[in-house]
Amino acid sequence: MVLTDAQKRANEKWHKNHRDRANYIAMRSSARSFIRKKSTLDDLKELQNIIEDRRKELVQP
């Protein structure tokens, strides 16, 4: 997809003004890509434990 100069400027402005959200989206995308394409069974077991621990942290007040 080819972007116009105006679209590029708008994207840059959004990223500048929403840095935390942009970083969150990028990290989430990387995590999903790793899980789908590169992870081993051992990686998945470790990640499952990490996810369970994180879920408990978020549920508890």
Protein backbone atom coordinates (compact mmCIF):
# COMPACT_ATOMS: atom_id res chain seq x y z
CA MET A 1 0.00 0.00 0.00
CA VAL A 2 1.41 3.35 -1.03
CA LEU A 3 0.90 6.20 1.39
CA THR A 4 0.57 9.83 0.40
CA ASP A 5 2.78 12.42 2.06
CA ALA A 6 -0.24 13.63 4.06
CA GLN A 7 -0.93 10.10 5.30
CA LYS A 8 2.71 9.67 6.31
CA ARG A 9 2.66 12.94 8.23
CA ALA A 10 -0.62 11.98 9.92
CA ASN A 11 0.85 8.60 10.95
CA GLU A 12 3.99 10.22 12.32
CA LYS A 13 1.90 12.75 14.26
CA TRP A 14 -0.27 9.98 15.72
CA HIS A 15 2.79 7.95 16.76
CA LYS A 16 4.36 11.01 18.35
CA ASN A 17 1.20 11.84 20.30
CA HIS A 18 0.38 8.23 21.25
CA ARG A 19 3.81 6.76 21.92
CA ASP A 20 2.68 4.45 24.73
CA ARG A 21 -0.17 3.00 22.68
CA ALA A 22 2.06 2.58 19.61
CA ASN A 23 4.68 0.73 21.70
CA TYR A 24 1.98 -1.47 23.24
CA ILE A 25 0.66 -2.41 19.80
CA ALA A 26 4.16 -3.16 18.47
CA MET A 27 5.09 -5.33 21.47
CA ARG A 28 1.78 -7.21 21.30
CA SER A 29 2.33 -7.86 17.61
CA SER A 30 5.86 -9.14 18.25
CA ALA A 31 4.66 -11.47 21.00
CA ARG A 32 1.91 -12.92 18.84
CA SER A 33 4.24 -13.36 15.89
CA PHE A 34 6.83 -15.15 18.05
CA ILE A 35 4.20 -17.49 19.49
CA ARG A 36 2.75 -18.33 16.08
CA LYS A 37 5.95 -18.67 14.07
CA LYS A 38 9.02 -19.34 16.19
CA SER A 39 8.10 -20.74 19.61
CA THR A 40 9.03 -24.23 20.71
CA LEU A 41 7.03 -26.46 23.03
CA ASP A 42 9.32 -25.42 25.91
CA ASP A 43 8.74 -21.75 25.07
CA LEU A 44 4.98 -22.28 25.10
CA LYS A 45 5.09 -24.03 28.47
CA GLU A 46 7.12 -21.19 29.98
CA LEU A 47 4.85 -18.56 28.46
CA GLN A 48 1.79 -20.36 29.75
CA ASN A 49 3.18 -20.16 33.30
CA ILE A 50 3.98 -16.48 32.87
CA ILE A 51 0.48 -15.81 31.54
CA GLU A 52 -1.14 -17.63 34.45
CA ASP A 53 0.93 -15.63 36.95
CA ARG A 54 0.08 -12.35 35.20
CA ARG A 55 -3.62 -13.24 35.09
CA LYS A 56 -3.58 -13.80 38.86
CA GLU A 57 -1.91 -10.42 39.38
CA LEU A 58 -4.56 -8.65 37.34
CA VAL A 59 -7.50 -10.36 39.02
CA GLN A 60 -6.36 -9.65 42.58
CA PRO A 61 -7.10 -6.13 43.82
